[in-house]
């Protein structure tokens, strides 16, 4: 059974091809993907690599975690499963309980902070 690997702290100029090249020295790479920002189209600085053989993936994780790539220390570990989105994402008002306390004394006097 293969493994999906998270690769973080990548230089923004990294491509999927260069990610494949790095990991192919440890074994077969099924897929490699750099995560891109939807709005800007720029790399978010992390990506994922899938390797079909767990032993090869473990070797790559062990050797590449903390190694220098493009002047940056890579973060390389086994990818965690993606959390399911239930549509109830907290907003700024619900995420911070201090917004729900009601008006302060300063609000009643007309003075603003």
N, C-alpha and C. Protein backbone atom coordinates (compact mmCIF):
# COMPACT_ATOMS: atom_id res chain seq x y z
N UNK A 1 0.84 -1.18 0.00
CA UNK A 1 0.00 0.00 0.00
C UNK A 1 0.88 1.24 0.00
N UNK A 2 0.57 2.19 -0.82
CA UNK A 2 1.37 3.40 -0.97
C UNK A 2 1.06 4.43 0.10
N UNK A 3 1.73 5.56 -0.01
CA UNK A 3 1.55 6.64 0.94
C UNK A 3 1.46 7.97 0.22
N UNK A 4 0.67 8.86 0.84
CA UNK A 4 0.59 10.23 0.38
C UNK A 4 1.43 11.06 1.33
N UNK A 5 2.31 11.88 0.78
CA UNK A 5 3.28 12.64 1.56
C UNK A 5 3.01 14.13 1.42
N UNK A 6 3.01 14.82 2.56
CA UNK A 6 2.89 16.29 2.60
C UNK A 6 4.30 16.87 2.52
N UNK A 7 4.49 17.87 1.67
CA UNK A 7 5.77 18.55 1.54
C UNK A 7 5.52 20.04 1.72
N UNK A 8 6.04 20.60 2.81
CA UNK A 8 5.80 22.01 3.11
C UNK A 8 7.08 22.83 3.10
N UNK A 9 6.90 24.14 3.18
CA UNK A 9 7.97 25.13 3.17
C UNK A 9 8.74 25.10 1.85
N UNK A 10 8.00 24.89 0.77
CA UNK A 10 8.61 24.87 -0.56
C UNK A 10 8.81 26.29 -1.07
N UNK A 11 9.86 26.52 -1.85
CA UNK A 11 9.97 27.81 -2.52
C UNK A 11 8.78 27.98 -3.46
N UNK A 12 8.32 29.20 -3.63
CA UNK A 12 7.13 29.45 -4.45
C UNK A 12 7.36 29.14 -5.92
N UNK A 13 8.60 29.01 -6.33
CA UNK A 13 8.92 28.70 -7.73
C UNK A 13 8.91 27.20 -8.01
N UNK A 14 8.68 26.36 -7.00
CA UNK A 14 8.69 24.91 -7.18
C UNK A 14 7.54 24.46 -8.08
N UNK A 15 7.83 23.54 -8.98
CA UNK A 15 6.80 22.97 -9.87
C UNK A 15 6.55 21.52 -9.48
N UNK A 16 5.48 20.96 -9.99
CA UNK A 16 5.18 19.55 -9.76
C UNK A 16 6.28 18.67 -10.34
N UNK A 17 6.84 19.08 -11.46
CA UNK A 17 7.91 18.31 -12.09
C UNK A 17 9.15 18.27 -11.20
N UNK A 18 9.51 19.41 -10.60
CA UNK A 18 10.69 19.42 -9.74
C UNK A 18 10.45 18.62 -8.46
N UNK A 19 9.20 18.62 -7.99
CA UNK A 19 8.85 17.81 -6.81
C UNK A 19 8.98 16.32 -7.14
N UNK A 20 8.52 15.93 -8.32
CA UNK A 20 8.66 14.54 -8.78
C UNK A 20 10.13 14.16 -8.87
N UNK A 21 10.94 15.06 -9.39
CA UNK A 21 12.37 14.80 -9.55
C UNK A 21 13.05 14.56 -8.19
N UNK A 22 12.69 15.35 -7.18
CA UNK A 22 13.28 15.19 -5.85
C UNK A 22 12.95 13.81 -5.28
N UNK A 23 11.69 13.42 -5.37
CA UNK A 23 11.23 12.17 -4.75
C UNK A 23 11.55 10.93 -5.58
N UNK A 24 11.77 11.09 -6.87
CA UNK A 24 12.03 9.92 -7.71
C UNK A 24 13.36 9.26 -7.40
N UNK A 25 14.26 9.95 -6.72
CA UNK A 25 15.53 9.31 -6.34
C UNK A 25 15.32 8.27 -5.23
N UNK A 26 14.13 8.27 -4.61
CA UNK A 26 13.82 7.30 -3.56
C UNK A 26 12.93 6.16 -4.05
N UNK A 27 12.34 6.32 -5.24
CA UNK A 27 11.47 5.30 -5.79
C UNK A 27 10.48 5.89 -6.75
N UNK A 28 9.48 5.09 -7.10
CA UNK A 28 8.47 5.51 -8.07
C UNK A 28 7.53 6.55 -7.46
N UNK A 29 7.25 7.60 -8.23
CA UNK A 29 6.31 8.64 -7.82
C UNK A 29 5.09 8.51 -8.71
N UNK A 30 3.92 8.28 -8.09
CA UNK A 30 2.68 8.19 -8.87
C UNK A 30 2.19 9.57 -9.28
N UNK A 31 2.08 10.47 -8.29
CA UNK A 31 1.62 11.83 -8.57
C UNK A 31 2.38 12.82 -7.70
N UNK A 32 2.45 14.05 -8.18
CA UNK A 32 2.96 15.15 -7.37
C UNK A 32 2.14 16.38 -7.74
N UNK A 33 1.81 17.16 -6.72
CA UNK A 33 0.96 18.32 -6.96
C UNK A 33 1.36 19.45 -6.04
N UNK A 34 1.55 20.63 -6.60
CA UNK A 34 1.77 21.84 -5.83
C UNK A 34 0.40 22.50 -5.65
N UNK A 35 0.07 22.89 -4.43
CA UNK A 35 -1.22 23.53 -4.17
C UNK A 35 -1.12 25.01 -4.53
N UNK A 36 -2.06 25.45 -5.37
CA UNK A 36 -2.06 26.83 -5.86
C UNK A 36 -3.19 27.63 -5.25
N UNK A 37 -2.96 28.92 -5.06
CA UNK A 37 -3.98 29.83 -4.56
C UNK A 37 -4.98 30.10 -5.69
N UNK A 38 -6.26 29.98 -5.39
CA UNK A 38 -7.29 30.16 -6.42
C UNK A 38 -7.31 31.58 -6.98
N UNK A 39 -7.13 32.57 -6.10
CA UNK A 39 -7.26 33.95 -6.54
C UNK A 39 -6.03 34.46 -7.30
N UNK A 40 -4.85 34.22 -6.74
CA UNK A 40 -3.64 34.77 -7.35
C UNK A 40 -2.99 33.83 -8.36
N UNK A 41 -3.27 32.52 -8.27
CA UNK A 41 -2.64 31.57 -9.16
C UNK A 41 -1.21 31.21 -8.74
N UNK A 42 -0.77 31.76 -7.61
CA UNK A 42 0.58 31.47 -7.10
C UNK A 42 0.58 30.23 -6.23
N UNK A 43 1.75 29.64 -6.10
CA UNK A 43 1.91 28.49 -5.21
C UNK A 43 1.67 28.92 -3.77
N UNK A 44 1.09 28.02 -2.98
CA UNK A 44 0.91 28.28 -1.56
C UNK A 44 2.10 27.81 -0.74
N UNK A 45 3.10 27.24 -1.39
CA UNK A 45 4.31 26.83 -0.71
C UNK A 45 4.27 25.43 -0.12
N UNK A 46 3.28 24.63 -0.54
CA UNK A 46 3.24 23.24 -0.11
C UNK A 46 2.61 22.39 -1.20
N UNK A 47 2.81 21.09 -1.06
CA UNK A 47 2.28 20.17 -2.05
C UNK A 47 2.20 18.76 -1.51
N UNK A 48 1.83 17.84 -2.39
CA UNK A 48 1.66 16.44 -2.01
C UNK A 48 2.30 15.55 -3.06
N UNK A 49 2.86 14.45 -2.58
CA UNK A 49 3.46 13.44 -3.45
C UNK A 49 2.87 12.10 -3.06
N UNK A 50 2.49 11.29 -4.04
CA UNK A 50 2.01 9.93 -3.77
C UNK A 50 3.03 8.95 -4.31
N UNK A 51 3.44 8.03 -3.42
CA UNK A 51 4.39 6.98 -3.80
C UNK A 51 3.72 5.64 -3.54
N UNK A 52 3.79 4.69 -4.50
CA UNK A 52 3.08 3.43 -4.37
C UNK A 52 3.65 2.46 -3.33
N UNK A 53 4.93 2.61 -2.99
CA UNK A 53 5.55 1.69 -2.04
C UNK A 53 5.85 2.41 -0.73
N UNK A 54 5.27 1.92 0.36
CA UNK A 54 5.40 2.56 1.68
C UNK A 54 6.85 2.65 2.13
N UNK A 55 7.66 1.62 1.84
CA UNK A 55 9.06 1.62 2.27
C UNK A 55 9.83 2.76 1.60
N UNK A 56 9.58 2.98 0.32
CA UNK A 56 10.24 4.06 -0.41
C UNK A 56 9.77 5.42 0.10
N UNK A 57 8.48 5.51 0.40
CA UNK A 57 7.93 6.76 0.92
C UNK A 57 8.54 7.08 2.29
N UNK A 58 8.66 6.07 3.15
CA UNK A 58 9.26 6.27 4.47
C UNK A 58 10.72 6.71 4.36
N UNK A 59 11.45 6.12 3.41
CA UNK A 59 12.84 6.51 3.19
C UNK A 59 12.93 7.97 2.74
N UNK A 60 12.03 8.37 1.85
CA UNK A 60 12.02 9.76 1.37
C UNK A 60 11.70 10.72 2.50
N UNK A 61 10.71 10.37 3.32
CA UNK A 61 10.34 11.22 4.46
C UNK A 61 11.53 11.38 5.40
N UNK A 62 12.18 10.26 5.73
CA UNK A 62 13.31 10.29 6.65
C UNK A 62 14.48 11.13 6.15
N UNK A 63 14.78 11.04 4.86
CA UNK A 63 15.92 11.75 4.29
C UNK A 63 15.62 13.21 3.96
N UNK A 64 14.39 13.50 3.53
CA UNK A 64 14.10 14.85 3.05
C UNK A 64 13.58 15.80 4.12
N UNK A 65 13.01 15.30 5.21
CA UNK A 65 12.50 16.18 6.26
C UNK A 65 13.65 16.99 6.86
N UNK A 66 13.54 18.29 6.80
CA UNK A 66 14.57 19.18 7.33
C UNK A 66 15.69 19.49 6.36
N UNK A 67 15.70 18.82 5.20
CA UNK A 67 16.76 19.07 4.22
C UNK A 67 16.54 20.41 3.52
N UNK A 68 17.62 20.95 2.98
CA UNK A 68 17.57 22.25 2.31
C UNK A 68 17.14 22.08 0.86
N UNK A 69 16.16 22.87 0.45
CA UNK A 69 15.74 22.90 -0.95
C UNK A 69 15.44 24.34 -1.30
N UNK A 70 16.24 24.92 -2.18
CA UNK A 70 16.04 26.31 -2.58
C UNK A 70 16.22 27.28 -1.43
N UNK A 71 17.09 26.95 -0.49
CA UNK A 71 17.33 27.83 0.65
C UNK A 71 16.31 27.70 1.76
N UNK A 72 15.47 26.70 1.72
CA UNK A 72 14.45 26.49 2.75
C UNK A 72 14.53 25.08 3.29
N UNK A 73 14.27 24.93 4.59
CA UNK A 73 14.25 23.62 5.22
C UNK A 73 12.88 22.99 4.99
N UNK A 74 12.84 21.89 4.27
CA UNK A 74 11.58 21.24 3.93
C UNK A 74 10.91 20.59 5.14
N UNK A 75 9.61 20.62 5.15
CA UNK A 75 8.81 19.85 6.10
C UNK A 75 8.20 18.71 5.29
N UNK A 76 8.58 17.50 5.64
CA UNK A 76 8.11 16.33 4.89
C UNK A 76 7.58 15.30 5.87
N UNK A 77 6.30 14.95 5.75
CA UNK A 77 5.73 13.90 6.59
C UNK A 77 4.54 13.27 5.89
N UNK A 78 4.05 12.20 6.50
CA UNK A 78 2.89 11.52 5.92
C UNK A 78 1.68 12.45 6.00
N UNK A 79 0.97 12.55 4.89
CA UNK A 79 -0.20 13.44 4.83
C UNK A 79 -1.32 12.90 5.71
N UNK A 80 -2.00 13.82 6.38
CA UNK A 80 -3.16 13.44 7.18
C UNK A 80 -4.40 13.48 6.30
N UNK A 81 -5.42 12.69 6.62
CA UNK A 81 -6.65 12.72 5.82
C UNK A 81 -7.29 14.10 5.86
N UNK A 82 -7.86 14.49 4.75
CA UNK A 82 -8.52 15.79 4.66
C UNK A 82 -9.79 15.78 5.50
N UNK A 83 -9.99 16.85 6.27
CA UNK A 83 -11.20 16.94 7.09
C UNK A 83 -12.38 17.27 6.21
N UNK A 84 -13.52 16.65 6.52
CA UNK A 84 -14.73 16.90 5.75
C UNK A 84 -15.29 18.27 6.12
N UNK A 85 -15.75 18.97 5.10
CA UNK A 85 -16.36 20.28 5.31
C UNK A 85 -17.85 20.07 5.50
N UNK A 86 -18.39 20.61 6.60
CA UNK A 86 -19.82 20.44 6.86
C UNK A 86 -20.61 21.70 6.54
N UNK A 87 -19.95 22.72 6.03
CA UNK A 87 -20.66 23.94 5.67
C UNK A 87 -20.86 24.90 6.83
N UNK A 88 -20.46 24.51 8.03
CA UNK A 88 -20.67 25.39 9.18
C UNK A 88 -19.34 26.01 9.61
N UNK A 89 -18.67 26.63 8.67
CA UNK A 89 -17.40 27.27 8.96
C UNK A 89 -17.61 28.46 9.88
N UNK A 90 -16.83 28.58 10.96
CA UNK A 90 -17.04 29.71 11.87
C UNK A 90 -16.68 31.03 11.20
N UNK A 91 -17.47 32.03 11.47
CA UNK A 91 -17.18 33.36 10.94
C UNK A 91 -16.46 34.16 12.01
N UNK A 92 -16.04 35.35 11.68
CA UNK A 92 -15.32 36.19 12.65
C UNK A 92 -16.17 36.46 13.88
N UNK A 93 -17.45 36.62 13.71
CA UNK A 93 -18.32 36.93 14.85
C UNK A 93 -18.54 35.71 15.74
N UNK A 94 -18.68 34.53 15.17
CA UNK A 94 -18.92 33.36 16.01
C UNK A 94 -17.63 32.75 16.54
N UNK A 95 -16.52 33.02 15.88
CA UNK A 95 -15.25 32.43 16.31
C UNK A 95 -14.68 33.16 17.52
N UNK A 96 -15.06 34.40 17.73
CA UNK A 96 -14.53 35.17 18.85
C UNK A 96 -15.66 35.48 19.83
N UNK A 97 -15.69 34.81 20.95
CA UNK A 97 -16.80 34.99 21.88
C UNK A 97 -16.92 36.41 22.44
N UNK A 98 -15.84 37.20 22.44
CA UNK A 98 -15.93 38.55 23.00
C UNK A 98 -16.82 39.46 22.15
N UNK A 99 -17.10 39.10 20.90
CA UNK A 99 -18.01 39.88 20.08
C UNK A 99 -19.46 39.69 20.52
N UNK A 100 -19.74 38.64 21.25
CA UNK A 100 -21.11 38.32 21.61
C UNK A 100 -21.49 38.79 23.01
N UNK A 101 -20.70 39.62 23.62
CA UNK A 101 -20.98 40.07 24.98
C UNK A 101 -21.96 41.23 25.04
N UNK A 102 -22.22 41.86 23.95
CA UNK A 102 -23.11 43.01 23.97
C UNK A 102 -22.31 44.30 23.94
N UNK A 103 -22.99 45.43 23.92
CA UNK A 103 -22.29 46.71 23.82
C UNK A 103 -21.52 47.04 25.10
N UNK A 104 -20.41 47.74 24.94
CA UNK A 104 -19.63 48.16 26.10
C UNK A 104 -20.12 49.53 26.57
N UNK A 105 -19.60 49.98 27.69
CA UNK A 105 -19.96 51.29 28.23
C UNK A 105 -19.59 52.40 27.25
N UNK A 106 -18.50 52.26 26.56
CA UNK A 106 -18.05 53.27 25.63
C UNK A 106 -19.01 53.41 24.45
N UNK A 107 -19.66 52.35 24.07
CA UNK A 107 -20.60 52.43 22.95
C UNK A 107 -21.82 53.29 23.29
N UNK A 108 -22.25 53.27 24.56
CA UNK A 108 -23.42 54.03 24.97
C UNK A 108 -23.14 55.53 25.09
N UNK A 109 -21.90 55.90 25.37
CA UNK A 109 -21.59 57.31 25.58
C UNK A 109 -21.36 58.05 24.27
N UNK A 110 -21.26 57.34 23.18
CA UNK A 110 -21.01 57.96 21.91
C UNK A 110 -19.54 58.10 21.58
N UNK A 111 -18.68 57.83 22.57
CA UNK A 111 -17.23 57.90 22.33
C UNK A 111 -16.78 56.58 21.70
N UNK A 112 -15.84 56.69 20.84
CA UNK A 112 -15.27 55.51 20.23
C UNK A 112 -13.84 55.33 20.72
N UNK A 113 -13.41 54.13 20.79
CA UNK A 113 -12.05 53.85 21.23
C UNK A 113 -11.08 54.43 20.31
